[in-house]
PDB file of N, CA and C in Angstrom:
ATOM      1  N   UNK A   1       1.742 -17.760  21.875  1.00  0.00           N
ATOM      2  CA  UNK A   1       0.344 -17.396  21.897  1.00  0.00           C
ATOM      3  C   UNK A   1       0.249 -15.896  22.126  1.00  0.00           C
ATOM      4  N   UNK A   2      -0.646 -15.286  21.420  1.00  0.00           N
ATOM      5  CA  UNK A   2      -0.829 -13.839  21.512  1.00  0.00           C
ATOM      6  C   UNK A   2      -2.137 -13.563  22.241  1.00  0.00           C
ATOM      7  N   UNK A   3      -2.069 -12.840  23.322  1.00  0.00           N
ATOM      8  CA  UNK A   3      -3.268 -12.512  24.078  1.00  0.00           C
ATOM      9  C   UNK A   3      -3.698 -11.088  23.756  1.00  0.00           C
ATOM     10  N   UNK A   4      -4.963 -10.943  23.460  1.00  0.00           N
ATOM     11  CA  UNK A   4      -5.501  -9.635  23.150  1.00  0.00           C
ATOM     12  C   UNK A   4      -5.838  -8.896  24.444  1.00  0.00           C
ATOM     13  N   UNK A   5      -5.628  -7.589  24.408  1.00  0.00           N
ATOM     14  CA  UNK A   5      -5.990  -6.778  25.559  1.00  0.00           C
ATOM     15  C   UNK A   5      -7.165  -5.892  25.189  1.00  0.00           C
ATOM     16  N   UNK A   6      -7.857  -5.437  26.186  1.00  0.00           N
ATOM     17  CA  UNK A   6      -8.988  -4.538  25.948  1.00  0.00           C
ATOM     18  C   UNK A   6      -8.461  -3.116  26.092  1.00  0.00           C
ATOM     19  N   UNK A   7      -8.473  -2.360  24.998  1.00  0.00           N
ATOM     20  CA  UNK A   7      -7.950  -0.991  25.064  1.00  0.00           C
ATOM     21  C   UNK A   7      -8.860  -0.076  25.878  1.00  0.00           C
ATOM     22  N   UNK A   8      -8.239   0.880  26.537  1.00  0.00           N
ATOM     23  CA  UNK A   8      -8.990   1.811  27.385  1.00  0.00           C
ATOM     24  C   UNK A   8      -9.355   3.103  26.674  1.00  0.00           C
ATOM     25  N   UNK A   9      -8.659   3.421  25.588  1.00  0.00           N
ATOM     26  CA  UNK A   9      -8.985   4.630  24.838  1.00  0.00           C
ATOM     27  C   UNK A   9      -8.652   4.409  23.364  1.00  0.00           C
ATOM     28  N   UNK A  10      -8.968   5.391  22.542  1.00  0.00           N
ATOM     29  CA  UNK A  10      -8.792   5.253  21.093  1.00  0.00           C
ATOM     30  C   UNK A  10      -7.319   5.097  20.695  1.00  0.00           C
ATOM     31  N   UNK A  11      -6.438   5.832  21.324  1.00  0.00           N
ATOM     32  CA  UNK A  11      -5.005   5.738  21.008  1.00  0.00           C
ATOM     33  C   UNK A  11      -4.476   4.347  21.354  1.00  0.00           C
ATOM     34  N   UNK A  12      -4.902   3.833  22.473  1.00  0.00           N
ATOM     35  CA  UNK A  12      -4.474   2.495  22.874  1.00  0.00           C
ATOM     36  C   UNK A  12      -5.062   1.441  21.924  1.00  0.00           C
ATOM     37  N   UNK A  13      -6.260   1.679  21.468  1.00  0.00           N
ATOM     38  CA  UNK A  13      -6.893   0.751  20.525  1.00  0.00           C
ATOM     39  C   UNK A  13      -6.109   0.686  19.215  1.00  0.00           C
ATOM     40  N   UNK A  14      -5.676   1.847  18.704  1.00  0.00           N
ATOM     41  CA  UNK A  14      -4.857   1.877  17.485  1.00  0.00           C
ATOM     42  C   UNK A  14      -3.541   1.132  17.691  1.00  0.00           C
ATOM     43  N   UNK A  15      -2.924   1.360  18.845  1.00  0.00           N
ATOM     44  CA  UNK A  15      -1.649   0.712  19.151  1.00  0.00           C
ATOM     45  C   UNK A  15      -1.816  -0.810  19.224  1.00  0.00           C
ATOM     46  N   UNK A  16      -2.864  -1.262  19.878  1.00  0.00           N
ATOM     47  CA  UNK A  16      -3.125  -2.696  19.994  1.00  0.00           C
ATOM     48  C   UNK A  16      -3.421  -3.277  18.618  1.00  0.00           C
ATOM     49  N   UNK A  17      -4.183  -2.566  17.801  1.00  0.00           N
ATOM     50  CA  UNK A  17      -4.505  -3.038  16.452  1.00  0.00           C
ATOM     51  C   UNK A  17      -3.246  -3.198  15.611  1.00  0.00           C
ATOM     52  N   UNK A  18      -2.365  -2.215  15.675  1.00  0.00           N
ATOM     53  CA  UNK A  18      -1.107  -2.299  14.920  1.00  0.00           C
ATOM     54  C   UNK A  18      -0.272  -3.484  15.383  1.00  0.00           C
ATOM     55  N   UNK A  19      -0.243  -3.714  16.677  1.00  0.00           N
ATOM     56  CA  UNK A  19       0.513  -4.840  17.221  1.00  0.00           C
ATOM     57  C   UNK A  19      -0.092  -6.165  16.752  1.00  0.00           C
ATOM     58  N   UNK A  20      -1.413  -6.262  16.783  1.00  0.00           N
ATOM     59  CA  UNK A  20      -2.089  -7.479  16.331  1.00  0.00           C
ATOM     60  C   UNK A  20      -1.805  -7.747  14.855  1.00  0.00           C
ATOM     61  N   UNK A  21      -1.890  -6.711  14.039  1.00  0.00           N
ATOM     62  CA  UNK A  21      -1.609  -6.860  12.609  1.00  0.00           C
ATOM     63  C   UNK A  21      -0.164  -7.303  12.402  1.00  0.00           C
ATOM     64  N   UNK A  22       0.767  -6.684  13.139  1.00  0.00           N
ATOM     65  CA  UNK A  22       2.180  -7.043  13.007  1.00  0.00           C
ATOM     66  C   UNK A  22       2.426  -8.502  13.386  1.00  0.00           C
ATOM     67  N   UNK A  23       1.800  -8.960  14.443  1.00  0.00           N
ATOM     68  CA  UNK A  23       1.979 -10.347  14.884  1.00  0.00           C
ATOM     69  C   UNK A  23       1.423 -11.311  13.841  1.00  0.00           C
ATOM     70  N   UNK A  24       0.194 -11.086  13.402  1.00  0.00           N
ATOM     71  CA  UNK A  24      -0.435 -11.994  12.442  1.00  0.00           C
ATOM     72  C   UNK A  24       0.261 -11.956  11.078  1.00  0.00           C
ATOM     73  N   UNK A  25       0.642 -10.775  10.620  1.00  0.00           N
ATOM     74  CA  UNK A  25       1.296 -10.699   9.313  1.00  0.00           C
ATOM     75  C   UNK A  25       2.710 -11.293   9.376  1.00  0.00           C
ATOM     76  N   UNK A  26       3.406 -11.107  10.493  1.00  0.00           N
ATOM     77  CA  UNK A  26       4.722 -11.717  10.653  1.00  0.00           C
ATOM     78  C   UNK A  26       4.628 -13.238  10.696  1.00  0.00           C
ATOM     79  N   UNK A  27       3.635 -13.720  11.404  1.00  0.00           N
ATOM     80  CA  UNK A  27       3.413 -15.165  11.472  1.00  0.00           C
ATOM     81  C   UNK A  27       3.079 -15.700  10.078  1.00  0.00           C
ATOM     82  N   UNK A  28       2.256 -14.963   9.339  1.00  0.00           N
ATOM     83  CA  UNK A  28       1.888 -15.374   7.971  1.00  0.00           C
ATOM     84  C   UNK A  28       3.124 -15.442   7.074  1.00  0.00           C
ATOM     85  N   UNK A  29       4.000 -14.436   7.146  1.00  0.00           N
ATOM     86  CA  UNK A  29       5.226 -14.447   6.337  1.00  0.00           C
ATOM     87  C   UNK A  29       6.102 -15.652   6.671  1.00  0.00           C
ATOM     88  N   UNK A  30       6.213 -15.953   7.965  1.00  0.00           N
ATOM     89  CA  UNK A  30       7.027 -17.109   8.384  1.00  0.00           C
ATOM     90  C   UNK A  30       6.430 -18.408   7.848  1.00  0.00           C
ATOM     91  N   UNK A  31       5.123 -18.543   7.926  1.00  0.00           N
ATOM     92  CA  UNK A  31       4.455 -19.744   7.415  1.00  0.00           C
ATOM     93  C   UNK A  31       4.613 -19.856   5.906  1.00  0.00           C
ATOM     94  N   UNK A  32       4.567 -18.734   5.222  1.00  0.00           N
ATOM     95  CA  UNK A  32       4.751 -18.727   3.770  1.00  0.00           C
ATOM     96  C   UNK A  32       6.164 -19.179   3.421  1.00  0.00           C
ATOM     97  N   UNK A  33       7.142 -18.708   4.164  1.00  0.00           N
ATOM     98  CA  UNK A  33       8.529 -19.111   3.957  1.00  0.00           C
ATOM     99  C   UNK A  33       8.693 -20.616   4.165  1.00  0.00           C
ATOM    100  N   UNK A  34       7.938 -21.159   5.110  1.00  0.00           N
ATOM    101  CA  UNK A  34       7.979 -22.592   5.397  1.00  0.00           C
ATOM    102  C   UNK A  34       7.108 -23.408   4.432  1.00  0.00           C
ATOM    103  N   UNK A  35       6.506 -22.720   3.479  1.00  0.00           N
ATOM    104  CA  UNK A  35       5.625 -23.338   2.478  1.00  0.00           C
ATOM    105  C   UNK A  35       4.388 -23.978   3.105  1.00  0.00           C
ATOM    106  N   UNK A  36       3.932 -23.396   4.192  1.00  0.00           N
ATOM    107  CA  UNK A  36       2.695 -23.838   4.851  1.00  0.00           C
ATOM    108  C   UNK A  36       1.623 -22.816   4.474  1.00  0.00           C
ATOM    109  N   UNK A  37       1.228 -22.881   3.214  1.00  0.00           N
ATOM    110  CA  UNK A  37       0.422 -21.824   2.611  1.00  0.00           C
ATOM    111  C   UNK A  37      -0.996 -21.722   3.173  1.00  0.00           C
ATOM    112  N   UNK A  38      -1.636 -22.836   3.465  1.00  0.00           N
ATOM    113  CA  UNK A  38      -2.996 -22.766   4.015  1.00  0.00           C
ATOM    114  C   UNK A  38      -3.003 -22.096   5.389  1.00  0.00           C
ATOM    115  N   UNK A  39      -2.034 -22.437   6.213  1.00  0.00           N
ATOM    116  CA  UNK A  39      -1.917 -21.805   7.524  1.00  0.00           C
ATOM    117  C   UNK A  39      -1.568 -20.323   7.375  1.00  0.00           C
ATOM    118  N   UNK A  40      -0.744 -20.028   6.400  1.00  0.00           N
ATOM    119  CA  UNK A  40      -0.373 -18.647   6.102  1.00  0.00           C
ATOM    120  C   UNK A  40      -1.617 -17.829   5.779  1.00  0.00           C
ATOM    121  N   UNK A  41      -2.476 -18.384   4.928  1.00  0.00           N
ATOM    122  CA  UNK A  41      -3.694 -17.665   4.534  1.00  0.00           C
ATOM    123  C   UNK A  41      -4.611 -17.422   5.727  1.00  0.00           C
ATOM    124  N   UNK A  42      -4.627 -18.338   6.660  1.00  0.00           N
ATOM    125  CA  UNK A  42      -5.426 -18.160   7.870  1.00  0.00           C
ATOM    126  C   UNK A  42      -4.925 -16.965   8.680  1.00  0.00           C
ATOM    127  N   UNK A  43      -3.617 -16.850   8.824  1.00  0.00           N
ATOM    128  CA  UNK A  43      -3.032 -15.722   9.557  1.00  0.00           C
ATOM    129  C   UNK A  43      -3.254 -14.403   8.819  1.00  0.00           C
ATOM    130  N   UNK A  44      -3.152 -14.453   7.498  1.00  0.00           N
ATOM    131  CA  UNK A  44      -3.404 -13.242   6.697  1.00  0.00           C
ATOM    132  C   UNK A  44      -4.836 -12.770   6.913  1.00  0.00           C
ATOM    133  N   UNK A  45      -5.781 -13.701   6.913  1.00  0.00           N
ATOM    134  CA  UNK A  45      -7.180 -13.325   7.113  1.00  0.00           C
ATOM    135  C   UNK A  45      -7.389 -12.689   8.485  1.00  0.00           C
ATOM    136  N   UNK A  46      -6.701 -13.201   9.485  1.00  0.00           N
ATOM    137  CA  UNK A  46      -6.808 -12.606  10.817  1.00  0.00           C
ATOM    138  C   UNK A  46      -6.262 -11.171  10.807  1.00  0.00           C
ATOM    139  N   UNK A  47      -5.125 -10.984  10.156  1.00  0.00           N
ATOM    140  CA  UNK A  47      -4.541  -9.638  10.073  1.00  0.00           C
ATOM    141  C   UNK A  47      -5.429  -8.706   9.273  1.00  0.00           C
ATOM    142  N   UNK A  48      -5.978  -9.208   8.164  1.00  0.00           N
ATOM    143  CA  UNK A  48      -6.815  -8.357   7.315  1.00  0.00           C
ATOM    144  C   UNK A  48      -8.166  -8.055   7.948  1.00  0.00           C
ATOM    145  N   UNK A  49      -8.601  -8.888   8.885  1.00  0.00           N
ATOM    146  CA  UNK A  49      -9.855  -8.584   9.578  1.00  0.00           C
ATOM    147  C   UNK A  49      -9.676  -7.363  10.489  1.00  0.00           C
ATOM    148  N   UNK A  50      -8.432  -7.110  10.871  1.00  0.00           N
ATOM    149  CA  UNK A  50      -8.120  -5.949  11.713  1.00  0.00           C
ATOM    150  C   UNK A  50      -7.830  -4.727  10.844  1.00  0.00           C
ATOM    151  N   UNK A  51      -7.006  -4.911   9.827  1.00  0.00           N
ATOM    152  CA  UNK A  51      -6.610  -3.817   8.940  1.00  0.00           C
ATOM    153  C   UNK A  51      -6.793  -4.310   7.523  1.00  0.00           C
ATOM    154  N   UNK A  52      -7.871  -3.935   6.880  1.00  0.00           N
ATOM    155  CA  UNK A  52      -8.339  -4.528   5.634  1.00  0.00           C
ATOM    156  C   UNK A  52      -7.308  -4.543   4.502  1.00  0.00           C
ATOM    157  N   UNK A  53      -6.768  -3.417   4.130  1.00  0.00           N
ATOM    158  CA  UNK A  53      -5.924  -3.365   2.935  1.00  0.00           C
ATOM    159  C   UNK A  53      -4.454  -3.130   3.245  1.00  0.00           C
ATOM    160  N   UNK A  54      -3.984  -3.711   4.287  1.00  0.00           N
ATOM    161  CA  UNK A  54      -2.565  -3.577   4.621  1.00  0.00           C
ATOM    162  C   UNK A  54      -1.756  -4.219   3.496  1.00  0.00           C
ATOM    163  N   UNK A  55      -0.961  -3.429   2.796  1.00  0.00           N
ATOM    164  CA  UNK A  55      -0.223  -3.897   1.614  1.00  0.00           C
ATOM    165  C   UNK A  55       0.648  -5.095   1.933  1.00  0.00           C
ATOM    166  N   UNK A  56       1.297  -5.090   3.078  1.00  0.00           N
ATOM    167  CA  UNK A  56       2.156  -6.204   3.476  1.00  0.00           C
ATOM    168  C   UNK A  56       1.350  -7.504   3.561  1.00  0.00           C
ATOM    169  N   UNK A  57       0.136  -7.421   4.090  1.00  0.00           N
ATOM    170  CA  UNK A  57      -0.723  -8.602   4.195  1.00  0.00           C
ATOM    171  C   UNK A  57      -1.147  -9.073   2.802  1.00  0.00           C
ATOM    172  N   UNK A  58      -1.477  -8.130   1.940  1.00  0.00           N
ATOM    173  CA  UNK A  58      -1.888  -8.483   0.582  1.00  0.00           C
ATOM    174  C   UNK A  58      -0.760  -9.185  -0.162  1.00  0.00           C
ATOM    175  N   UNK A  59       0.441  -8.700   0.016  1.00  0.00           N
ATOM    176  CA  UNK A  59       1.595  -9.294  -0.653  1.00  0.00           C
ATOM    177  C   UNK A  59       1.800 -10.745  -0.204  1.00  0.00           C
ATOM    178  N   UNK A  60       1.697 -10.991   1.095  1.00  0.00           N
ATOM    179  CA  UNK A  60       1.857 -12.345   1.619  1.00  0.00           C
ATOM    180  C   UNK A  60       0.715 -13.240   1.152  1.00  0.00           C
ATOM    181  N   UNK A  61      -0.485 -12.697   1.155  1.00  0.00           N
ATOM    182  CA  UNK A  61      -1.644 -13.471   0.698  1.00  0.00           C
ATOM    183  C   UNK A  61      -1.497 -13.843  -0.777  1.00  0.00           C
ATOM    184  N   UNK A  62      -1.073 -12.898  -1.599  1.00  0.00           N
ATOM    185  CA  UNK A  62      -0.875 -13.179  -3.019  1.00  0.00           C
ATOM    186  C   UNK A  62       0.213 -14.230  -3.222  1.00  0.00           C
ATOM    187  N   UNK A  63       1.279 -14.156  -2.449  1.00  0.00           N
ATOM    188  CA  UNK A  63       2.354 -15.146  -2.555  1.00  0.00           C
ATOM    189  C   UNK A  63       1.816 -16.549  -2.259  1.00  0.00           C
ATOM    190  N   UNK A  64       1.057 -16.687  -1.180  1.00  0.00           N
ATOM    191  CA  UNK A  64       0.514 -18.001  -0.803  1.00  0.00           C
ATOM    192  C   UNK A  64      -0.468 -18.512  -1.854  1.00  0.00           C
ATOM    193  N   UNK A  65      -1.370 -17.653  -2.298  1.00  0.00           N
ATOM    194  CA  UNK A  65      -2.343 -18.066  -3.313  1.00  0.00           C
ATOM    195  C   UNK A  65      -1.646 -18.436  -4.619  1.00  0.00           C
ATOM    196  N   UNK A  66      -0.621 -17.677  -4.972  1.00  0.00           N
ATOM    197  CA  UNK A  66       0.135 -17.949  -6.191  1.00  0.00           C
ATOM    198  C   UNK A  66       0.799 -19.325  -6.103  1.00  0.00           C
ATOM    199  N   UNK A  67       1.420 -19.617  -4.980  1.00  0.00           N
ATOM    200  CA  UNK A  67       2.092 -20.901  -4.798  1.00  0.00           C
ATOM    201  C   UNK A  67       1.098 -22.064  -4.794  1.00  0.00           C
ATOM    202  N   UNK A  68      -0.128 -21.799  -4.333  1.00  0.00           N
ATOM    203  CA  UNK A  68      -1.175 -22.824  -4.349  1.00  0.00           C
ATOM    204  C   UNK A  68      -1.880 -22.909  -5.703  1.00  0.00           C
ATOM    205  N   UNK A  69      -1.446 -22.078  -6.639  1.00  0.00           N
ATOM    206  CA  UNK A  69      -2.005 -21.994  -7.989  1.00  0.00           C
ATOM    207  C   UNK A  69      -3.492 -21.621  -7.974  1.00  0.00           C
ATOM    208  N   UNK A  70      -3.854 -20.756  -7.066  1.00  0.00           N
ATOM    209  CA  UNK A  70      -5.226 -20.248  -6.972  1.00  0.00           C
ATOM    210  C   UNK A  70      -5.246 -18.865  -7.640  1.00  0.00           C
ATOM    211  N   UNK A  71      -5.050 -18.899  -8.957  1.00  0.00           N
ATOM    212  CA  UNK A  71      -4.826 -17.681  -9.725  1.00  0.00           C
ATOM    213  C   UNK A  71      -6.064 -16.790  -9.827  1.00  0.00           C
ATOM    214  N   UNK A  72      -7.243 -17.373  -9.881  1.00  0.00           N
ATOM    215  CA  UNK A  72      -8.456 -16.555  -9.971  1.00  0.00           C
ATOM    216  C   UNK A  72      -8.638 -15.723  -8.702  1.00  0.00           C
ATOM    217  N   UNK A  73      -8.291 -16.286  -7.552  1.00  0.00           N
ATOM    218  CA  UNK A  73      -8.357 -15.525  -6.304  1.00  0.00           C
ATOM    219  C   UNK A  73      -7.324 -14.397  -6.312  1.00  0.00           C
ATOM    220  N   UNK A  74      -6.166 -14.677  -6.900  1.00  0.00           N
ATOM    221  CA  UNK A  74      -5.143 -13.630  -7.039  1.00  0.00           C
ATOM    222  C   UNK A  74      -5.700 -12.474  -7.867  1.00  0.00           C
ATOM    223  N   UNK A  75      -6.356 -12.802  -8.978  1.00  0.00           N
ATOM    224  CA  UNK A  75      -6.930 -11.759  -9.833  1.00  0.00           C
ATOM    225  C   UNK A  75      -7.950 -10.913  -9.080  1.00  0.00           C
ATOM    226  N   UNK A  76      -8.780 -11.563  -8.279  1.00  0.00           N
ATOM    227  CA  UNK A  76      -9.796 -10.841  -7.512  1.00  0.00           C
ATOM    228  C   UNK A  76      -9.156  -9.858  -6.542  1.00  0.00           C
ATOM    229  N   UNK A  77      -8.115 -10.290  -5.863  1.00  0.00           N
ATOM    230  CA  UNK A  77      -7.415  -9.411  -4.916  1.00  0.00           C
ATOM    231  C   UNK A  77      -6.752  -8.253  -5.656  1.00  0.00           C
ATOM    232  N   UNK A  78      -6.147  -8.554  -6.793  1.00  0.00           N
ATOM    233  CA  UNK A  78      -5.455  -7.511  -7.560  1.00  0.00           C
ATOM    234  C   UNK A  78      -6.399  -6.417  -8.034  1.00  0.00           C
ATOM    235  N   UNK A  79      -7.639  -6.767  -8.340  1.00  0.00           N
ATOM    236  CA  UNK A  79      -8.605  -5.775  -8.815  1.00  0.00           C
ATOM    237  C   UNK A  79      -8.834  -4.667  -7.791  1.00  0.00           C
ATOM    238  N   UNK A  80      -8.769  -5.016  -6.510  1.00  0.00           N
ATOM    239  CA  UNK A  80      -9.032  -4.016  -5.470  1.00  0.00           C
ATOM    240  C   UNK A  80      -7.756  -3.521  -4.780  1.00  0.00           C
ATOM    241  N   UNK A  81      -6.598  -3.868  -5.322  1.00  0.00           N
ATOM    242  CA  UNK A  81      -5.321  -3.492  -4.709  1.00  0.00           C
ATOM    243  C   UNK A  81      -4.812  -2.154  -5.235  1.00  0.00           C
ATOM    244  N   UNK A  82      -3.848  -1.603  -4.523  1.00  0.00           N
ATOM    245  CA  UNK A  82      -3.232  -0.363  -4.996  1.00  0.00           C
ATOM    246  C   UNK A  82      -2.226  -0.672  -6.107  1.00  0.00           C
ATOM    247  N   UNK A  83      -1.737   0.372  -6.746  1.00  0.00           N
ATOM    248  CA  UNK A  83      -0.886   0.222  -7.923  1.00  0.00           C
ATOM    249  C   UNK A  83       0.418  -0.534  -7.653  1.00  0.00           C
ATOM    250  N   UNK A  84       1.003  -0.350  -6.477  1.00  0.00           N
ATOM    251  CA  UNK A  84       2.276  -1.024  -6.196  1.00  0.00           C
ATOM    252  C   UNK A  84       2.097  -2.545  -6.155  1.00  0.00           C
ATOM    253  N   UNK A  85       0.983  -2.994  -5.602  1.00  0.00           N
ATOM    254  CA  UNK A  85       0.711  -4.434  -5.546  1.00  0.00           C
ATOM    255  C   UNK A  85       0.409  -4.955  -6.950  1.00  0.00           C
ATOM    256  N   UNK A  86      -0.380  -4.199  -7.709  1.00  0.00           N
ATOM    257  CA  UNK A  86      -0.704  -4.600  -9.085  1.00  0.00           C
ATOM    258  C   UNK A  86       0.557  -4.691  -9.930  1.00  0.00           C
ATOM    259  N   UNK A  87       1.448  -3.720  -9.753  1.00  0.00           N
ATOM    260  CA  UNK A  87       2.684  -3.688 -10.527  1.00  0.00           C
ATOM    261  C   UNK A  87       3.558  -4.902 -10.207  1.00  0.00           C
ATOM    262  N   UNK A  88       3.624  -5.270  -8.941  1.00  0.00           N
ATOM    263  CA  UNK A  88       4.467  -6.389  -8.522  1.00  0.00           C
ATOM    264  C   UNK A  88       3.884  -7.741  -8.946  1.00  0.00           C
ATOM    265  N   UNK A  89       2.570  -7.913  -8.820  1.00  0.00           N
ATOM    266  CA  UNK A  89       1.958  -9.228  -9.001  1.00  0.00           C
ATOM    267  C   UNK A  89       1.167  -9.396 -10.294  1.00  0.00           C
ATOM    268  N   UNK A  90       0.693  -8.313 -10.882  1.00  0.00           N
ATOM    269  CA  UNK A  90      -0.184  -8.417 -12.050  1.00  0.00           C
ATOM    270  C   UNK A  90       0.382  -9.254 -13.180  1.00  0.00           C
ATOM    271  N   UNK A  91       1.597  -8.963 -13.583  1.00  0.00           N
ATOM    272  CA  UNK A  91       2.232  -9.688 -14.681  1.00  0.00           C
ATOM    273  C   UNK A  91       2.462 -11.156 -14.355  1.00  0.00           C
ATOM    274  N   UNK A  92       2.897 -11.428 -13.131  1.00  0.00           N
ATOM    275  CA  UNK A  92       3.153 -12.813 -12.714  1.00  0.00           C
ATOM    276  C   UNK A  92       1.872 -13.637 -12.762  1.00  0.00           C
ATOM    277  N   UNK A  93       0.801 -13.062 -12.243  1.00  0.00           N
ATOM    278  CA  UNK A  93      -0.470 -13.790 -12.184  1.00  0.00           C
ATOM    279  C   UNK A  93      -1.016 -14.035 -13.578  1.00  0.00           C
ATOM    280  N   UNK A  94      -1.014 -13.011 -14.431  1.00  0.00           N
ATOM    281  CA  UNK A  94      -1.528 -13.185 -15.789  1.00  0.00           C
ATOM    282  C   UNK A  94      -0.711 -14.206 -16.572  1.00  0.00           C
ATOM    283  N   UNK A  95       0.598 -14.175 -16.424  1.00  0.00           N
ATOM    284  CA  UNK A  95       1.462 -15.148 -17.102  1.00  0.00           C
ATOM    285  C   UNK A  95       1.181 -16.565 -16.595  1.00  0.00           C
ATOM    286  N   UNK A  96       1.003 -16.711 -15.301  1.00  0.00           N
ATOM    287  CA  UNK A  96       0.715 -18.032 -14.726  1.00  0.00           C
ATOM    288  C   UNK A  96      -0.637 -18.550 -15.211  1.00  0.00           C
ATOM    289  N   UNK A  97      -1.616 -17.663 -15.317  1.00  0.00           N
ATOM    290  CA  UNK A  97      -2.938 -18.074 -15.823  1.00  0.00           C
ATOM    291  C   UNK A  97      -2.822 -18.548 -17.259  1.00  0.00           C
ATOM    292  N   UNK A  98      -2.108 -17.791 -18.092  1.00  0.00           N
ATOM    293  CA  UNK A  98      -1.919 -18.191 -19.495  1.00  0.00           C
ATOM    294  C   UNK A  98      -1.221 -19.551 -19.586  1.00  0.00           C
ATOM    295  N   UNK A  99      -0.172 -19.713 -18.818  1.00  0.00           N
ATOM    296  CA  UNK A  99       0.574 -20.968 -18.821  1.00  0.00           C
ATOM    297  C   UNK A  99      -0.306 -22.130 -18.355  1.00  0.00           C
ATOM    298  N   UNK A 100      -1.105 -21.876 -17.331  1.00  0.00           N
ATOM    299  CA  UNK A 100      -2.007 -22.902 -16.810  1.00  0.00           C
ATOM    300  C   UNK A 100      -3.055 -23.289 -17.859  1.00  0.00           C
ATOM    301  N   UNK A 101      -3.575 -22.314 -18.586  1.00  0.00           N
ATOM    302  CA  UNK A 101      -4.551 -22.589 -19.637  1.00  0.00           C
ATOM    303  C   UNK A 101      -3.937 -23.418 -20.763  1.00  0.00           C
ATOM    304  N   UNK A 102      -2.706 -23.113 -21.142  1.00  0.00           N
ATOM    305  CA  UNK A 102      -2.015 -23.886 -22.178  1.00  0.00           C
ATOM    306  C   UNK A 102      -1.841 -25.327 -21.718  1.00  0.00           C
ATOM    307  N   UNK A 103      -1.431 -25.506 -20.483  1.00  0.00           N
ATOM    308  CA  UNK A 103      -1.246 -26.856 -19.944  1.00  0.00           C
ATOM    309  C   UNK A 103      -2.564 -27.630 -19.913  1.00  0.00           C
ATOM    310  N   UNK A 104      -3.651 -26.934 -19.559  1.00  0.00           N
ATOM    311  CA  UNK A 104      -4.966 -27.586 -19.554  1.00  0.00           C
ATOM    312  C   UNK A 104      -5.364 -28.034 -20.956  1.00  0.00           C
ATOM    313  N   UNK A 105      -5.121 -27.176 -21.949  1.00  0.00           N
ATOM    314  CA  UNK A 105      -5.449 -27.528 -23.333  1.00  0.00           C
ATOM    315  C   UNK A 105      -4.628 -28.723 -23.804  1.00  0.00           C
ATOM    316  N   UNK A 106      -3.358 -28.748 -23.473  1.00  0.00           N
ATOM    317  CA  UNK A 106      -2.496 -29.871 -23.861  1.00  0.00           C
ATOM    318  C   UNK A 106      -2.965 -31.165 -23.203  1.00  0.00           C
ATOM    319  N   UNK A 107      -3.318 -31.086 -21.941  1.00  0.00           N
ATOM    320  CA  UNK A 107      -3.812 -32.261 -21.230  1.00  0.00           C
ATOM    321  C   UNK A 107      -5.125 -32.746 -21.841  1.00  0.00           C
ATOM    322  N   UNK A 108      -5.998 -31.808 -22.168  1.00  0.00           N
ATOM    323  CA  UNK A 108      -7.277 -32.171 -22.789  1.00  0.00           C
ATOM    324  C   UNK A 108      -7.043 -32.883 -24.124  1.00  0.00           C
ATOM    325  N   UNK A 109      -6.127 -32.352 -24.935  1.00  0.00           N
ATOM    326  CA  UNK A 109      -5.830 -32.988 -26.226  1.00  0.00           C
ATOM    327  C   UNK A 109      -5.295 -34.399 -26.029  1.00  0.00           C
ATOM    328  N   UNK A 110      -4.433 -34.591 -25.028  1.00  0.00           N
ATOM    329  CA  UNK A 110      -3.907 -35.931 -24.740  1.00  0.00           C
ATOM    330  C   UNK A 110      -5.028 -36.874 -24.310  1.00  0.00           C
ATOM    331  N   UNK A 111      -5.926 -36.361 -23.467  1.00  0.00           N
ATOM    332  CA  UNK A 111      -7.027 -37.189 -22.990  1.00  0.00           C
ATOM    333  C   UNK A 111      -7.958 -37.580 -24.133  1.00  0.00           C
ATOM    334  N   UNK A 112      -8.297 -36.627 -24.996  1.00  0.00           N
ATOM    335  CA  UNK A 112      -9.177 -36.893 -26.131  1.00  0.00           C
ATOM    336  C   UNK A 112      -8.490 -37.839 -27.105  1.00  0.00           C
ATOM    337  N   UNK A 113      -7.200 -37.615 -27.345  1.00  0.00           N
ATOM    338  CA  UNK A 113      -6.440 -38.482 -28.247  1.00  0.00           C
ATOM    339  C   UNK A 113      -6.361 -39.903 -27.725  1.00  0.00           C
ATOM    340  N   UNK A 114      -6.276 -40.071 -26.437  1.00  0.00           N
ATOM    341  CA  UNK A 114      -6.170 -41.399 -25.841  1.00  0.00           C
ATOM    342  C   UNK A 114      -7.496 -42.144 -25.887  1.00  0.00           C
ATOM    343  N   UNK A 115      -8.609 -41.422 -25.964  1.00  0.00           N
ATOM    344  CA  UNK A 115      -9.916 -42.081 -25.963  1.00  0.00           C
ATOM    345  C   UNK A 115     -10.468 -42.330 -27.368  1.00  0.00           C
ATOM    346  N   UNK A 116      -9.851 -41.743 -28.375  1.00  0.00           N
ATOM    347  CA  UNK A 116     -10.336 -41.961 -29.750  1.00  0.00           C
ATOM    348  C   UNK A 116     -10.008 -43.361 -30.199  1.00  0.00           C
ATOM    349  N   UNK A 117     -10.929 -43.960 -30.891  1.00  0.00           N
ATOM    350  CA  UNK A 117     -10.723 -45.298 -31.436  1.00  0.00           C
ATOM    351  C   UNK A 117     -10.065 -45.150 -32.806  1.00  0.00           C
ATOM    352  N   UNK A 118      -8.954 -45.838 -33.028  1.00  0.00           N
ATOM    353  CA  UNK A 118      -8.284 -45.741 -34.320  1.00  0.00           C
ATOM    354  C   UNK A 118      -9.206 -46.226 -35.453  1.00  0.00           C
ATOM    355  N   UNK A 119      -9.067 -45.615 -36.631  1.00  0.00           N
ATOM    356  CA  UNK A 119      -9.930 -45.926 -37.780  1.00  0.00           C
ATOM    357  C   UNK A 119      -9.817 -47.401 -38.194  1.00  0.00           C
ATOM    358  N   UNK A 120      -8.684 -48.024 -38.054  1.00  0.00           N
ATOM    359  CA  UNK A 120      -8.495 -49.423 -38.463  1.00  0.00           C
ATOM    360  C   UNK A 120      -9.253 -50.392 -37.570  1.00  0.00           C
ATOM    361  N   UNK A 121      -9.652 -49.991 -36.363  1.00  0.00           N
ATOM    362  CA  UNK A 121     -10.368 -50.874 -35.450  1.00  0.00           C
ATOM    363  C   UNK A 121     -11.889 -50.742 -35.567  1.00  0.00           C
ATOM    364  N   UNK A 122     -12.372 -49.868 -36.417  1.00  0.00           N
ATOM    365  CA  UNK A 122     -13.816 -49.640 -36.530  1.00  0.00           C
ATOM    366  C   UNK A 122     -14.472 -50.692 -37.358  1.00  0.00           C
TER     367      UNK A 122
END
């Protein structure tokens, strides 16, 4: 359990904030490694509430969302990310979206094909 302290000055506040971000982002990475993605995202949100665009947090969040196949959320995050994050994740996310769309189309064709009545039975 991590207990928050009340900082007495601005320098102490920065130090406490960095420590809080490190704890939450480290916990998020561990949860992601354990494939506990929903819990991971909760820790990422806690870290990002302290330090909004911490690249390390964004990377962990993108990993969890990617594994959960929440690609549209990945795209939204990438739009506001810096170039290093876009470079690492942009191609993966776009490829996964394309692949997911192809799979959806194939499934739709199978579903429609299964519901059509053959001409000989009409």
